[in-house]
Amino acid sequence: MNQLFPVKNAGKPLVLVAPLDWGLGHATRCIPLIRELIKQGAAPCLAGEGAQEVLLKTEFPDLPFLPLPGYRIRYPKKRGSLTWKMLRQVPAILSSIRKEQSWLRQQMETYRFDAVISDNRYGLHHPDTHSVFITHQLQIKGPATWIEKLLQQKNYRYINRFNQCWIPDSADENNLAGQLAHPEQLPALPLKYIGPLSRFERKEDQPIKGHLLILLSGPEPQRSLLEDIIIQQVSHYSGTATVLRGLPGHLSVIPSTGMIRFFNHLSSEELSAAIQKAEYIISRSGYSTVMDMAMMGKKCILIPTPGQTEQEYLGDYLQQKNRAISFRQDAFELNAALEAASSFPFREWPTVQPDLLSNVVKELLNQVVKPDLG
C-alpha cells in the first residue's frame, strides 16, 4: 500500500471523493458524505485544489488529499455578458474534463480506488471502478428553451458515462430544487435521490432578534462585488451582524467593530453556532447553501449571483414556495430587504430523511467490497 494510505486502512474500501471548484458549495455538501463513508468503514481519499482543499483539509486533517486542478471558471462583472463569458470558457472546461480523466487513469494505476464519487466533475469515471456522479442539476437553466434542451443533451451524455447518479434532493414534490432535479426527461443511468446534504444538524436555540449572518460565497468577481455592497450597507445597520467572507486560507482581513464582525472562514462547528444565533441569513441562493438553511430551519434573504441561471431559478422557486425571499443584487438595499422579510409569510422547510444517505452509501460499499473467501 502506498504511504498515502496508512496500513491501518488495509482492507477498507478506498473511495475517492472530488468536488467541483465552483465556489465552496460542492465541497461543503461532500462533508456529510465523507463522514458517512468513514462511519461505514470506508477509507476516503479527497482531491481538489485552492479553497476547496483548505476547507476539506480543515474538516478532515487526517485524510489523504491528492492535488487535482479545478475548472477555474470565472464570472463576468456584468450580468448580461454571462452567456458569452461562459461560451468562451467552454474549450477550457472541456480541456479540464479531459485532463481530470487522464489524471484519474494515472491515480488508478497507483491506488486502485474501489469507488469514485465525483461531485459535478464530468471526467472522473473509470471502467475499472464504480463511478458515482453527484448533481442537483439534471436540467441546466439557460436563457432560452432551445439552449436548455441542448445543455441537457450534453449534460446527460457525460452523466451517462458513470455507473450511478446521486441527486441531493427529495424525490417527492416537497423538494428544494424544483425542475433542476426533477425534469421531465431523465438520464439513462440509475438515479438515486439521496435527500438534501448538509454538514449541520438543526438545534432549537433561540436566535438573537435583529442579528444577521451574511454569507458571501461563489466565484469571483461576483463574490467581491457583493462584498462591496454588503460592507457599504451593513456599516449603517443599527443591529448586530456577522459577515463570513467565504475565503478559507486567505490572509487579508477586514477589521471588526463592536456591532459588525468579519471572518474569512469558520469551521463547521463555529458556522453552525453562527447560523443558530442569527434571526435572518443573507446569502447567495446556491443550492448547497439552500440545503444548509433548510436543515437549520432558517429565514433566508437570498441574493442570486447575477446571470447564474440556476441561482436565479432557485431564488424565484423558493420565494414562490414561501421558503425564502429573494432580491436582485443590483437592486439590493439592506433595510428594505429586512422590512420585506419581516412581513414575508415564511413556510417551514421540509424535514430531511436522515436514512437516505446512509442507505445509499451502504449499498455502494456492498457493491464494491469483495467478499473475504479466505
Protein backbone atom coordinates (compact mmCIF):
# COMPACT_ATOMS: atom_id res chain seq x y z
CA MET A 1 0.00 0.00 0.00
CA ASN A 2 1.32 3.46 -0.93
CA GLN A 3 2.23 5.71 2.01
CA LEU A 4 -0.72 7.91 1.07
CA PHE A 5 -2.89 5.30 2.75
CA PRO A 6 -1.72 4.17 6.19
CA VAL A 7 -1.51 0.47 6.98
CA LYS A 8 -4.49 0.85 9.31
CA ASN A 9 -6.67 1.36 6.22
CA ALA A 10 -5.72 -2.04 4.81
CA GLY A 11 -8.83 -3.97 3.90
CA LYS A 12 -11.09 -0.91 3.86
CA PRO A 13 -12.65 0.16 0.55
CA LEU A 14 -10.76 3.14 -0.87
CA VAL A 15 -13.18 5.81 -2.08
CA LEU A 16 -12.05 8.92 -3.95
CA VAL A 17 -14.25 11.98 -3.31
CA ALA A 18 -13.65 15.03 -5.52
CA PRO A 19 -15.89 18.14 -5.60
CA LEU A 20 -16.06 20.76 -8.35
CA ASP A 21 -14.26 24.05 -7.65
CA TRP A 22 -17.33 26.24 -8.38
CA GLY A 23 -17.49 28.15 -5.12
CA LEU A 24 -17.33 26.21 -1.86
CA GLY A 25 -20.78 24.61 -2.06
CA HIS A 26 -19.71 21.41 -3.79
CA ALA A 27 -17.05 20.85 -1.15
CA THR A 28 -19.29 21.64 1.83
CA ARG A 29 -22.03 19.27 0.69
CA CYS A 30 -19.46 16.49 0.39
CA ILE A 31 -18.69 16.80 4.13
CA PRO A 32 -21.70 14.74 5.35
CA LEU A 33 -20.99 12.18 2.62
CA ILE A 34 -17.36 11.84 3.72
CA ARG A 35 -18.46 11.49 7.34
CA GLU A 36 -20.88 8.73 6.35
CA LEU A 37 -18.20 6.88 4.38
CA ILE A 38 -15.92 6.93 7.43
CA LYS A 39 -18.79 5.85 9.68
CA GLN A 40 -19.46 2.83 7.48
CA GLY A 41 -15.84 1.70 7.42
CA ALA A 42 -14.55 3.15 4.16
CA ALA A 43 -11.22 4.93 3.69
CA PRO A 44 -11.96 8.16 1.81
CA CYS A 45 -9.32 10.00 -0.18
CA LEU A 46 -10.06 13.60 -1.16
CA ALA A 47 -8.97 15.60 -4.19
CA GLY A 48 -9.08 19.22 -5.30
CA GLU A 49 -7.22 22.48 -5.00
CA GLY A 50 -7.41 26.01 -3.65
CA ALA A 51 -10.20 26.96 -1.27
CA GLN A 52 -11.80 23.52 -1.57
CA GLU A 53 -8.55 21.93 -0.43
CA VAL A 54 -8.23 24.30 2.54
CA LEU A 55 -11.82 23.63 3.63
CA LEU A 56 -11.66 19.86 3.34
CA LYS A 57 -8.25 19.61 5.00
CA THR A 58 -9.62 21.71 7.86
CA GLU A 59 -12.59 19.38 8.27
CA PHE A 60 -10.63 16.15 7.72
CA PRO A 61 -6.97 16.78 8.62
CA ASP A 62 -6.20 13.05 8.89
CA LEU A 63 -7.49 12.06 5.45
CA PRO A 64 -5.16 11.78 2.44
CA PHE A 65 -5.52 14.53 -0.14
CA LEU A 66 -4.49 14.46 -3.79
CA PRO A 67 -3.87 17.67 -5.79
CA LEU A 68 -6.36 17.92 -8.64
CA PRO A 69 -6.71 21.12 -10.71
CA GLY A 70 -10.22 22.54 -10.94
CA TYR A 71 -12.18 24.00 -13.83
CA ARG A 72 -11.34 27.55 -12.62
CA ILE A 73 -14.47 29.15 -14.05
CA ARG A 74 -14.65 32.94 -13.96
CA TYR A 75 -17.79 35.08 -13.93
CA PRO A 76 -18.15 38.46 -15.66
CA LYS A 77 -18.80 41.67 -13.76
CA LYS A 78 -21.90 42.42 -15.83
CA ARG A 79 -24.91 40.13 -15.72
CA GLY A 80 -25.76 40.37 -19.41
CA SER A 81 -22.37 39.14 -20.57
CA LEU A 82 -22.50 35.84 -18.66
CA THR A 83 -23.65 33.68 -21.59
CA TRP A 84 -20.81 34.82 -23.83
CA LYS A 85 -18.29 34.66 -20.99
CA MET A 86 -19.27 31.04 -20.33
CA LEU A 87 -19.24 30.15 -24.04
CA ARG A 88 -15.70 31.46 -24.31
CA GLN A 89 -14.71 29.17 -21.43
CA VAL A 90 -16.22 26.00 -22.96
CA PRO A 91 -12.95 24.90 -24.64
CA ALA A 92 -11.08 25.33 -21.35
CA ILE A 93 -13.80 23.39 -19.45
CA LEU A 94 -13.68 20.54 -21.98
CA SER A 95 -9.90 20.51 -21.68
CA SER A 96 -10.22 20.30 -17.88
CA ILE A 97 -12.57 17.33 -18.22
CA ARG A 98 -10.08 15.51 -20.45
CA LYS A 99 -7.22 16.33 -18.08
CA GLU A 100 -9.07 15.08 -14.99
CA GLN A 101 -9.93 11.87 -16.83
CA SER A 102 -6.24 11.37 -17.63
CA TRP A 103 -5.42 12.25 -14.01
CA LEU A 104 -7.81 9.58 -12.72
CA ARG A 105 -6.29 6.93 -15.00
CA GLN A 106 -2.88 7.70 -13.53
CA GLN A 107 -4.16 7.64 -9.94
CA MET A 108 -5.94 4.33 -10.53
CA GLU A 109 -2.65 2.72 -11.52
CA THR A 110 -1.24 3.68 -8.12
CA TYR A 111 -4.16 3.49 -5.69
CA ARG A 112 -6.78 1.22 -7.30
CA PHE A 113 -9.77 3.04 -5.84
CA ASP A 114 -12.74 0.79 -5.14
CA ALA A 115 -15.12 3.66 -5.93
CA VAL A 116 -15.01 7.23 -7.19
CA ILE A 117 -17.56 9.84 -6.13
CA SER A 118 -17.47 12.91 -8.33
CA ASP A 119 -19.44 15.99 -7.34
CA ASN A 120 -20.15 17.57 -10.73
CA ARG A 121 -16.73 16.73 -12.21
CA TYR A 122 -17.56 15.13 -15.54
CA GLY A 123 -14.24 13.42 -16.21
CA LEU A 124 -13.92 11.36 -13.02
CA HIS A 125 -15.20 8.00 -14.21
CA HIS A 126 -13.18 4.85 -14.87
CA PRO A 127 -14.09 1.43 -16.32
CA ASP A 128 -12.27 -0.43 -13.55
CA THR A 129 -14.10 1.12 -10.62
CA HIS A 130 -17.62 2.07 -9.59
CA SER A 131 -18.10 5.72 -10.55
CA VAL A 132 -20.80 7.90 -8.97
CA PHE A 133 -21.79 11.37 -10.20
CA ILE A 134 -23.43 13.80 -7.77
CA THR A 135 -25.54 16.65 -9.11
CA HIS A 136 -28.74 18.53 -8.39
CA GLN A 137 -28.80 19.92 -11.94
CA LEU A 138 -30.25 17.36 -14.29
CA GLN A 139 -31.82 20.31 -16.06
CA ILE A 140 -29.45 23.23 -16.57
CA LYS A 141 -31.29 26.51 -16.88
CA GLY A 142 -30.44 28.72 -19.84
CA PRO A 143 -31.57 31.98 -21.42
CA ALA A 144 -33.80 30.14 -23.95
CA THR A 145 -35.67 26.81 -24.14
CA TRP A 146 -33.61 25.52 -27.08
CA ILE A 147 -30.43 26.24 -25.16
CA GLU A 148 -31.76 24.31 -22.15
CA LYS A 149 -32.52 21.30 -24.36
CA LEU A 150 -29.04 21.42 -25.88
CA LEU A 151 -27.43 21.74 -22.45
CA GLN A 152 -29.45 18.79 -21.15
CA GLN A 153 -28.32 16.61 -24.05
CA LYS A 154 -24.68 17.47 -23.42
CA ASN A 155 -25.14 17.08 -19.66
CA TYR A 156 -26.70 13.62 -20.00
CA ARG A 157 -24.03 12.49 -22.46
CA TYR A 158 -21.41 12.99 -19.74
CA ILE A 159 -23.54 11.77 -16.81
CA ASN A 160 -24.43 8.52 -18.59
CA ARG A 161 -20.75 7.54 -18.57
CA PHE A 162 -20.98 6.96 -14.81
CA ASN A 163 -22.46 3.92 -13.04
CA GLN A 164 -24.88 5.91 -10.89
CA CYS A 165 -26.13 9.44 -10.39
CA TRP A 166 -26.91 10.65 -6.86
CA ILE A 167 -29.23 13.63 -6.52
CA PRO A 168 -29.10 15.56 -3.22
CA ASP A 169 -32.81 16.27 -3.01
CA SER A 170 -36.05 14.56 -2.10
CA ALA A 171 -37.81 12.51 -4.75
CA ASP A 172 -41.28 13.80 -3.89
CA GLU A 173 -42.93 17.17 -4.56
CA ASN A 174 -41.77 18.50 -1.19
CA ASN A 175 -38.32 19.15 -2.64
CA LEU A 176 -35.81 22.00 -2.70
CA ALA A 177 -34.51 22.07 -6.29
CA GLY A 178 -37.71 22.03 -8.36
CA GLN A 179 -37.20 21.44 -12.07
CA LEU A 180 -33.42 21.37 -11.69
CA ALA A 181 -33.54 17.94 -10.04
CA HIS A 182 -36.91 16.78 -11.38
CA PRO A 183 -37.01 17.34 -15.16
CA GLU A 184 -39.48 15.58 -17.43
CA GLN A 185 -36.69 13.66 -19.19
CA LEU A 186 -34.18 11.74 -17.06
CA PRO A 187 -30.73 10.33 -17.94
CA ALA A 188 -30.38 6.64 -18.75
CA LEU A 189 -28.24 5.52 -15.79
CA PRO A 190 -29.64 4.52 -12.36
CA LEU A 191 -30.71 7.57 -10.33
CA LYS A 192 -30.89 7.79 -6.55
CA TYR A 193 -32.43 10.72 -4.68
CA ILE A 194 -30.36 10.78 -1.51
CA GLY A 195 -32.04 13.71 0.26
CA PRO A 196 -30.52 17.17 0.89
CA LEU A 197 -26.91 17.09 2.07
CA SER A 198 -25.85 19.33 4.93
CA ARG A 199 -22.94 19.24 7.36
CA PHE A 200 -25.19 20.76 10.06
CA GLU A 201 -27.80 19.47 12.49
CA ARG A 202 -30.81 21.52 13.48
CA LYS A 203 -30.99 22.75 17.06
CA GLU A 204 -33.76 24.64 18.75
CA ASP A 205 -31.64 27.51 20.08
CA GLN A 206 -33.41 30.87 20.12
CA PRO A 207 -31.93 33.39 17.63
CA ILE A 208 -30.98 36.90 18.71
CA LYS A 209 -33.56 39.39 17.45
CA GLY A 210 -32.13 41.65 14.78
CA HIS A 211 -28.88 39.71 14.44
CA LEU A 212 -27.81 38.95 10.85
CA LEU A 213 -25.48 36.36 9.39
CA ILE A 214 -24.25 37.34 5.94
CA LEU A 215 -22.65 34.54 3.93
CA LEU A 216 -20.52 35.56 0.96
CA SER A 217 -19.57 32.82 -1.48
CA GLY A 218 -19.19 31.82 -5.09
CA PRO A 219 -16.79 32.53 -7.95
CA GLU A 220 -15.10 35.85 -8.49
CA PRO A 221 -15.56 38.65 -9.31
CA GLN A 222 -19.19 38.47 -8.15
CA ARG A 223 -18.26 37.42 -4.61
CA SER A 224 -16.21 40.58 -4.18
CA LEU A 225 -18.84 42.77 -5.86
CA LEU A 226 -21.47 41.60 -3.38
CA GLU A 227 -19.00 42.04 -0.53
CA ASP A 228 -18.53 45.69 -1.50
CA ILE A 229 -22.31 46.23 -1.47
CA ILE A 230 -22.69 44.50 1.90
CA ILE A 231 -19.83 46.39 3.58
CA GLN A 232 -21.24 49.72 2.45
CA GLN A 233 -24.76 48.95 3.67
CA VAL A 234 -24.14 46.91 6.83
CA SER A 235 -21.96 49.71 8.22
CA HIS A 236 -25.19 51.72 8.65
CA TYR A 237 -27.20 48.83 10.14
CA SER A 238 -28.48 49.56 13.63
CA GLY A 239 -28.28 45.96 14.82
CA THR A 240 -25.50 43.37 15.00
CA ALA A 241 -24.19 41.23 12.18
CA THR A 242 -21.60 38.58 11.37
CA VAL A 243 -20.13 38.63 7.85
CA LEU A 244 -18.49 35.42 6.64
CA ARG A 245 -16.40 36.23 3.58
CA GLY A 246 -16.03 32.68 2.26
CA LEU A 247 -12.25 32.92 1.88
CA PRO A 248 -10.62 29.96 3.67
CA GLY A 249 -6.86 30.30 3.78
CA HIS A 250 -6.98 33.98 2.77
CA LEU A 251 -4.54 36.24 4.58
CA SER A 252 -6.19 39.67 4.21
CA VAL A 253 -8.75 40.57 6.88
CA ILE A 254 -11.43 43.22 7.37
CA PRO A 255 -11.36 44.78 10.86
CA SER A 256 -14.39 44.03 13.01
CA THR A 257 -16.30 46.52 15.14
CA GLY A 258 -18.38 46.10 18.26
CA MET A 259 -21.51 45.62 16.12
CA ILE A 260 -20.21 44.03 12.91
CA ARG A 261 -17.78 41.10 12.94
CA PHE A 262 -15.93 39.85 9.86
CA PHE A 263 -14.46 36.37 9.35
CA ASN A 264 -12.69 34.92 6.33
CA HIS A 265 -13.75 31.40 7.30
CA LEU A 266 -15.33 29.46 10.15
CA SER A 267 -15.18 25.77 10.97
CA SER A 268 -18.38 23.77 10.64
CA GLU A 269 -18.93 23.91 14.39
CA GLU A 270 -18.39 27.67 14.53
CA LEU A 271 -20.59 28.30 11.50
CA SER A 272 -23.37 26.15 12.94
CA ALA A 273 -23.34 28.29 16.09
CA ALA A 274 -23.36 31.47 13.99
CA ILE A 275 -26.34 30.25 11.95
CA GLN A 276 -28.31 29.37 15.08
CA LYS A 277 -27.63 32.81 16.53
CA ALA A 278 -28.97 34.77 13.53
CA GLU A 279 -32.55 35.90 13.07
CA TYR A 280 -32.01 36.20 9.29
CA ILE A 281 -29.46 34.67 6.93
CA ILE A 282 -28.43 36.77 3.92
CA SER A 283 -26.70 34.67 1.26
CA ARG A 284 -26.46 33.57 -2.32
CA SER A 285 -29.10 31.13 -3.49
CA GLY A 286 -26.54 28.44 -4.24
CA TYR A 287 -28.04 25.02 -3.73
CA SER A 288 -25.61 23.90 -1.04
CA THR A 289 -26.45 26.99 1.00
CA VAL A 290 -30.15 26.30 0.46
CA MET A 291 -29.69 22.75 1.78
CA ASP A 292 -27.86 24.06 4.86
CA MET A 293 -30.56 26.61 5.60
CA ALA A 294 -33.28 24.02 5.12
CA MET A 295 -31.53 21.73 7.59
CA MET A 296 -31.20 24.56 10.12
CA GLY A 297 -34.74 25.85 9.53
CA LYS A 298 -33.67 29.46 8.97
CA LYS A 299 -35.37 32.51 7.50
CA CYS A 300 -33.35 33.50 4.43
CA ILE A 301 -32.86 36.57 2.29
CA LEU A 302 -31.37 35.33 -0.96
CA ILE A 303 -29.29 37.28 -3.50
CA PRO A 304 -28.71 35.14 -6.62
CA THR A 305 -25.40 35.55 -8.40
CA PRO A 306 -26.23 37.84 -11.36
CA GLY A 307 -26.64 35.88 -14.57
CA GLN A 308 -26.26 32.47 -12.89
CA THR A 309 -29.49 30.96 -14.14
CA GLU A 310 -29.53 28.15 -11.58
CA GLN A 311 -29.40 30.57 -8.64
CA GLU A 312 -31.93 32.91 -10.22
CA TYR A 313 -34.30 29.98 -10.72
CA LEU A 314 -33.82 28.76 -7.14
CA GLY A 315 -34.40 32.26 -5.75
CA ASP A 316 -37.70 32.55 -7.66
CA TYR A 317 -38.74 28.95 -6.94
CA LEU A 318 -38.14 29.17 -3.19
CA GLN A 319 -39.87 32.54 -2.97
CA GLN A 320 -42.91 31.12 -4.77
CA LYS A 321 -42.91 28.27 -2.24
CA ASN A 322 -42.61 30.83 0.61
CA ARG A 323 -39.41 29.14 1.78
CA ALA A 324 -37.23 32.24 1.32
CA ILE A 325 -37.37 35.79 -0.06
CA SER A 326 -35.14 36.78 -2.98
CA PHE A 327 -33.67 40.06 -4.28
CA ARG A 328 -31.57 41.04 -7.28
CA GLN A 329 -28.04 42.10 -6.45
CA ASP A 330 -28.16 45.34 -8.46
CA ALA A 331 -31.27 46.47 -6.57
CA PHE A 332 -30.38 45.15 -3.12
CA GLU A 333 -30.94 47.51 -0.22
CA LEU A 334 -30.43 46.02 3.22
CA ASN A 335 -33.04 47.92 5.23
CA ALA A 336 -35.70 47.46 2.54
CA ALA A 337 -34.93 43.73 2.34
CA LEU A 338 -35.24 43.35 6.12
CA GLU A 339 -38.52 45.23 6.14
CA ALA A 340 -39.90 42.97 3.40
CA ALA A 341 -38.66 39.87 5.22
CA SER A 342 -40.38 40.94 8.44
CA SER A 343 -43.80 40.59 6.77
CA PHE A 344 -42.98 37.70 4.42
CA PRO A 345 -45.04 34.52 5.07
CA PHE A 346 -42.10 32.14 5.59
CA ARG A 347 -43.06 28.44 5.50
CA GLU A 348 -41.24 25.75 7.43
CA TRP A 349 -38.54 23.94 5.46
CA PRO A 350 -39.28 20.27 4.69
CA THR A 351 -37.95 17.63 7.05
CA VAL A 352 -34.85 15.76 5.87
CA GLN A 353 -34.95 11.95 5.94
CA PRO A 354 -31.61 11.06 7.59
CA ASP A 355 -31.50 7.43 6.47
CA LEU A 356 -31.41 8.15 2.71
CA LEU A 357 -27.69 8.98 2.63
CA SER A 358 -26.83 6.14 4.99
CA ASN A 359 -28.66 3.61 2.83
CA VAL A 360 -27.13 4.71 -0.47
CA VAL A 361 -23.59 4.66 0.98
CA LYS A 362 -24.21 1.20 2.44
CA GLU A 363 -25.43 -0.05 -0.93
CA LEU A 364 -22.39 1.42 -2.70
CA LEU A 365 -19.91 -0.17 -0.29
CA ASN A 366 -21.68 -3.52 -0.57
CA GLN A 367 -21.24 -3.32 -4.33
CA VAL A 368 -17.52 -2.54 -4.26
CA VAL A 369 -16.30 -4.60 -1.29
CA LYS A 370 -15.12 -8.02 -2.37
CA PRO A 371 -16.10 -10.86 -0.03
CA ASP A 372 -13.29 -12.44 2.01
CA LEU A 373 -13.06 -16.03 0.78
CA GLY A 374 -10.10 -16.90 2.95
